[in-house]
Amino acid sequence: MEWKQMKERGIVSCGNLYRISKAMKKALEGKPVTVGMIGGSITQGSLSSKPNSCYSYLVYEWWAEKFKDSRITYINGGIGGTTSQFGLARVESDLLIYNPDFIITEFSVNDKATELFKETYEGLIRKILLHPSEPAVMIMNSVQYDNGVNAQDIHNEIGTHYELPIVSLKNSLYSEVEEGRILIREITPDNLHPNDRGHRLVADIVIHMLEKIYEAVTAGDVPGDYNVPEMLITKNRYFDSVRYNNKNCQPERSGFLTDTVLQDGITDVFKNGWRARKLGDTIHFEVSGGMISVQYCKTTQRTAPVAKAVIDGLEEQAILLDANFEETWGDCLYMEDILVGGVSGVHTLDITIVKADNASDLDFYLVSVIAANQNGSNY
């Protein structure tokens, strides 16, 4: 196999290199540079044998070895099973607070190819690009290796509009699988999450793009400026997403208990929320926004409680929140949209336990409430 050809196919677009050239020039001058990633379980490093064998760390390692006179800081903002909708709500606290110089976004297998995720992805990209540290952004399209499914069409539409570098595993690594030159089990045990060899190949595809960019930067072949486009592709209603948990919110409670166990890093997701297990237990929020979602734990254990979510007292529009997960891979941080395209402004949200198995000893765990489009503005 000609590995170089495979890696070359992975390059969808080099985009505008001004921001990444700034990051590389900063590193060449010996100044500290922060490299960050945000995405799902692949970015987190799922199924790599150790933290430093996942693609994220290997890409960081390239920066550290390429720019030996610079102190390169590595921030991994990957959380398994999460989408760009949640990524947008947490990118400030999990990544942007570190003032990164370079960021990879990876949500192409957790996002679906829908208008919802086109909108949340644009919000995520735009929020990163408008951050005061002016980070460079690279999009990485992960893929399901058994069928080639991903959301790269909608993600790359956003990436092209914002002139971002884009690499695709569907165009490169998956093509090798499809042609029979690589066996799926050589790179992934479950058709999705790479093993160590798979992570190495993923990193090599990203690094191939970085090497080409480095050559352009050192040759002086880069644009002199970059401006974030004013024009939007979507309505961008999720841009101002705010996440409410027990660290920043004190809702009225009857039966719901505050979880006071300390969180051990961002991947320890079932923390800082509220728990309840008895029929009729209720929790009441007042939040501002036209888009309101609830995050809760769906568990593989049986039998977990079921709750209902009611906006503005409209019982006839109640949405059930069933904490029983039908998959078998583990407990899921599930996100349910409760209000979409509503009137911007203050709304009430009541969550009540409507079904409980007293013999199961299981809680309904409410992780957070996320609200967006607080004043109806686009950004």
Foldseek 3Di string as FASTA:
>chain_A
DPLVVLLVLQWPAAFACQLVLVQVVCLQVLEAAEEEEEEEDLLCPPQEPDRCLFLQNVLQVCSCVVRVSHHYHYARRYAHLDALLVVLQCCVVRPCVVLHAEYEYEHFANDAQDLVRLLSLLLNVVLQCPRPSRHAYEYEYFAQLVPGHTNCVSNVVSCVLQRHTYTYCSSHVSVCCVVVVDPQVVFDPPRGHGYSVVSVSSNVSVVVSVVVSVVCSVVVNGDPDGDGDPDDPHLNFSNPKHKDFQVHDDWDWDQWAFFPDDADDVNSQLHRHIKHADAFTKTKDKDWAQWKKWWWKQFCAPDEFKKWKDKQPPVVLIDIDHSHDPDDPGIHRDMGTSGDRGDTTIMMMMIGTHDHDPVRPHITGTRIMMHTNNPVDHD
